[in-house]
């Protein structure tokens, strides 16, 4: 899979936020009513960047994105507490822990193959290769997944040529317009990616 050009992805992110919900990816089997966000992200290749990969970064805005789909949601901090009360940890197989300690129908894992970020206020650039996997607590099988790979590059505001004649032909402006508000930091970018991913998760049917 080719890496998405940063300039195109910037447009795609803003367009996705404006055009409405994306087509959901079907869930295999009976859909869950309750989902726990697993406390420990699966990191296969952290890469290098100014912003280190931390649990708080990977999960930024994820709980809210899941709840927006109508599911009863257990966040990572609560999951850690419930696991500890049962003498378990995030290293416990997710399906077994979901049944015994978390009492949910499914667990949402975030697989991080790549996640790098540069700069803050605003974020200057980022690269990511992520996958969201929903694991059934009864079987341990993947019942839904969505992968996204791409990059972001902050584009400084361009107000055009101040000496351009008023009657000149209009310039071509990318979808989403010129001078869109940039991401403040990597956390805000991750929250946006989580919202876009969860738009592919079918809404809770019950």
Protein backbone atom coordinates (compact mmCIF):
# COMPACT_ATOMS: atom_id res chain seq x y z
CA UNK A 1 0.00 0.00 0.00
CA UNK A 2 1.41 3.37 -0.96
CA UNK A 3 1.69 6.07 1.65
CA UNK A 4 -0.94 8.74 1.28
CA UNK A 5 0.58 12.09 0.24
CA UNK A 6 0.50 14.48 3.18
CA UNK A 7 -1.12 17.32 1.26
CA UNK A 8 -3.90 15.07 -0.02
CA UNK A 9 -4.56 13.60 3.41
CA UNK A 10 -4.91 17.05 4.93
CA UNK A 11 -7.69 17.71 2.42
CA UNK A 12 -9.21 14.26 3.00
CA UNK A 13 -9.37 14.73 6.76
CA UNK A 14 -11.22 18.03 6.52
CA UNK A 15 -13.48 16.73 3.74
CA UNK A 16 -14.42 13.70 5.84
CA UNK A 17 -15.39 15.97 8.72
CA UNK A 18 -17.67 18.03 6.48
CA UNK A 19 -19.32 15.60 4.08
CA UNK A 20 -21.07 13.32 6.61
CA UNK A 21 -20.63 9.78 7.85
CA UNK A 22 -18.66 7.23 5.89
CA UNK A 23 -20.06 3.84 4.92
CA UNK A 24 -19.78 1.53 7.97
CA UNK A 25 -17.73 -1.68 7.75
CA UNK A 26 -20.02 -4.61 8.73
CA UNK A 27 -19.45 -6.47 12.01
CA UNK A 28 -18.98 -10.22 11.73
CA UNK A 29 -21.59 -11.99 13.82
CA UNK A 30 -23.84 -10.48 16.44
CA UNK A 31 -22.93 -6.87 17.19
CA UNK A 32 -21.83 -5.98 20.73
CA UNK A 33 -23.65 -3.71 23.14
CA UNK A 34 -20.64 -2.96 25.33
CA UNK A 35 -17.02 -2.30 24.36
CA UNK A 36 -13.88 -1.84 26.44
CA UNK A 37 -10.92 0.10 25.08
CA UNK A 38 -7.98 -2.16 25.86
CA UNK A 39 -5.44 -0.30 28.06
CA UNK A 40 -2.32 -1.51 26.27
CA UNK A 41 -1.86 -0.46 22.63
CA UNK A 42 -0.19 -3.06 20.42
CA UNK A 43 2.95 -1.35 19.11
CA UNK A 44 4.72 -3.21 16.34
CA UNK A 45 6.96 -0.42 14.99
CA UNK A 46 7.13 2.80 16.93
CA UNK A 47 9.40 4.59 14.47
CA UNK A 48 11.14 7.81 15.44
CA UNK A 49 9.76 11.28 16.02
CA UNK A 50 9.63 14.23 18.35
CA UNK A 51 6.52 12.89 20.12
CA UNK A 52 7.03 9.48 21.80
CA UNK A 53 4.30 6.89 21.57
CA UNK A 54 2.42 6.88 24.87
CA UNK A 55 -0.85 5.30 25.90
CA UNK A 56 -2.40 8.72 26.46
CA UNK A 57 -1.53 9.72 22.89
CA UNK A 58 -2.75 6.53 21.25
CA UNK A 59 -6.07 6.64 23.12
CA UNK A 60 -6.70 10.39 22.86
CA UNK A 61 -10.40 10.86 22.10
CA UNK A 62 -11.05 7.15 21.44
CA UNK A 63 -13.51 6.55 24.29
CA UNK A 64 -15.63 9.51 23.18
CA UNK A 65 -15.57 8.27 19.58
CA UNK A 66 -16.81 4.82 20.63
CA UNK A 67 -19.52 6.25 22.87
CA UNK A 68 -20.74 8.40 19.99
CA UNK A 69 -21.69 5.16 18.20
CA UNK A 70 -24.08 4.27 21.03
CA UNK A 71 -22.08 1.60 22.86
CA UNK A 72 -21.66 1.26 26.61
CA UNK A 73 -17.95 1.97 26.84
CA UNK A 74 -15.29 1.13 29.41
CA UNK A 75 -12.24 3.40 29.14
CA UNK A 76 -8.60 2.31 29.59
CA UNK A 77 -8.23 3.72 33.13
CA UNK A 78 -11.34 1.93 34.39
CA UNK A 79 -10.26 -1.25 32.60
CA UNK A 80 -6.90 -1.18 34.38
CA UNK A 81 -8.65 -0.82 37.74
CA UNK A 82 -11.09 -3.65 37.04
CA UNK A 83 -8.29 -5.92 35.87
CA UNK A 84 -6.24 -5.17 38.99
CA UNK A 85 -9.20 -6.03 41.22
CA UNK A 86 -9.20 -9.49 39.61
CA UNK A 87 -5.44 -9.85 39.90
CA UNK A 88 -5.01 -9.44 36.15
CA UNK A 89 -3.22 -6.96 33.91
CA UNK A 90 -3.33 -5.71 30.33
CA UNK A 91 -1.02 -8.62 29.48
CA UNK A 92 -3.95 -11.01 30.11
CA UNK A 93 -5.53 -12.33 26.89
CA UNK A 94 -8.13 -9.73 26.02
CA UNK A 95 -11.08 -12.06 25.39
CA UNK A 96 -10.78 -13.84 28.74
CA UNK A 97 -10.32 -10.57 30.62
CA UNK A 98 -13.29 -9.02 28.85
CA UNK A 99 -15.54 -11.84 30.02
CA UNK A 100 -14.26 -12.18 33.56
CA UNK A 101 -13.12 -8.73 34.70
CA UNK A 102 -14.56 -6.16 32.34
CA UNK A 103 -17.97 -7.75 31.69
CA UNK A 104 -18.17 -6.41 28.14
CA UNK A 105 -19.10 -8.00 24.83
CA UNK A 106 -15.99 -6.90 22.97
CA UNK A 107 -12.60 -5.26 23.36
CA UNK A 108 -11.24 -2.58 21.04
CA UNK A 109 -7.51 -2.84 20.34
CA UNK A 110 -5.43 -0.16 18.64
CA UNK A 111 -2.53 -1.64 16.67
CA UNK A 112 0.24 0.89 16.07
CA UNK A 113 2.59 -0.01 13.23
CA UNK A 114 3.88 3.53 12.92
CA UNK A 115 3.17 6.78 14.75
CA UNK A 116 5.43 9.82 14.63
CA UNK A 117 4.80 13.51 15.19
CA UNK A 118 6.76 16.73 14.91
CA UNK A 119 6.14 19.98 16.75
CA UNK A 120 3.32 21.35 18.86
CA UNK A 121 1.02 24.36 18.77
CA UNK A 122 0.55 23.78 15.93
CA UNK A 123 1.50 20.23 14.97
CA UNK A 124 3.98 20.48 12.10
CA UNK A 125 3.77 16.96 10.70
CA UNK A 126 2.88 13.36 11.42
CA UNK A 127 2.94 9.86 9.94
CA UNK A 128 0.83 6.91 11.04
CA UNK A 129 -0.08 3.33 10.23
CA UNK A 130 -2.91 2.25 12.55
CA UNK A 131 -5.49 -0.50 12.80
CA UNK A 132 -8.54 -0.67 15.05
CA UNK A 133 -9.62 -4.25 15.91
CA UNK A 134 -12.77 -5.25 17.74
CA UNK A 135 -12.29 -8.59 19.54
CA UNK A 136 -15.29 -10.68 20.63
CA UNK A 137 -15.12 -11.55 24.34
CA UNK A 138 -16.78 -14.94 23.79
CA UNK A 139 -14.46 -16.29 21.07
CA UNK A 140 -11.45 -14.00 20.89
CA UNK A 141 -12.09 -13.58 17.17
CA UNK A 142 -11.74 -10.30 15.28
CA UNK A 143 -15.30 -9.22 14.55
CA UNK A 144 -14.49 -5.84 12.98
CA UNK A 145 -11.39 -3.96 11.90
CA UNK A 146 -10.38 -0.80 10.09
CA UNK A 147 -6.88 0.24 9.01
CA UNK A 148 -5.60 3.69 8.10
CA UNK A 149 -2.16 4.74 6.91
CA UNK A 150 -1.10 8.24 5.98
CA UNK A 151 0.56 11.50 6.90
CA UNK A 152 -0.10 15.13 7.73
CA UNK A 153 1.91 18.25 6.98
CA UNK A 154 0.99 21.63 8.39
CA UNK A 155 0.36 24.13 5.62
CA UNK A 156 0.97 27.74 6.57
CA UNK A 157 -1.77 30.17 5.66
CA UNK A 158 -1.58 31.47 2.11
CA UNK A 159 -3.65 34.56 1.52
CA UNK A 160 -2.67 34.81 -2.13
CA UNK A 161 -1.21 37.69 -4.09
CA UNK A 162 -2.27 41.02 -2.50
CA UNK A 163 -1.69 42.73 -5.87
CA UNK A 164 -3.95 40.32 -7.79
CA UNK A 165 -6.46 42.30 -9.94
CA UNK A 166 -10.02 42.22 -8.62
CA UNK A 167 -11.35 41.11 -12.01
CA UNK A 168 -8.85 38.25 -12.43
CA UNK A 169 -10.02 34.64 -12.84
CA UNK A 170 -10.63 33.00 -9.42
CA UNK A 171 -7.91 30.71 -8.10
CA UNK A 172 -8.45 26.98 -7.61
CA UNK A 173 -8.83 26.27 -3.87
CA UNK A 174 -8.52 22.70 -2.48
CA UNK A 175 -11.52 20.97 -0.92
CA UNK A 176 -11.90 22.25 2.63
CA UNK A 177 -10.71 25.72 1.69
CA UNK A 178 -7.47 27.59 2.25
CA UNK A 179 -6.13 28.37 5.68
CA UNK A 180 -7.92 25.61 7.61
CA UNK A 181 -7.16 25.65 11.34
CA UNK A 182 -4.17 23.32 11.90
CA UNK A 183 -4.03 20.56 14.50
CA UNK A 184 -2.75 21.88 17.84
CA UNK A 185 -0.86 18.69 18.68
CA UNK A 186 -0.66 14.95 18.09
CA UNK A 187 -3.48 14.30 20.57
CA UNK A 188 -5.91 16.38 18.52
CA UNK A 189 -4.85 14.57 15.35
CA UNK A 190 -5.36 11.17 17.02
CA UNK A 191 -8.83 12.19 18.22
CA UNK A 192 -9.70 13.10 14.63
CA UNK A 193 -8.39 9.77 13.33
CA UNK A 194 -10.39 7.90 15.98
CA UNK A 195 -13.57 9.73 14.97
CA UNK A 196 -13.00 8.90 11.31
CA UNK A 197 -12.32 5.24 12.16
CA UNK A 198 -15.33 4.89 14.45
CA UNK A 199 -17.59 6.32 11.72
CA UNK A 200 -16.88 2.98 10.00
CA UNK A 201 -18.07 1.06 13.08
CA UNK A 202 -21.81 0.34 12.80
CA UNK A 203 -23.91 2.01 15.45
CA UNK A 204 -25.08 -0.10 18.40
CA UNK A 205 -28.29 -1.74 17.31
CA UNK A 206 -29.69 -2.24 20.82
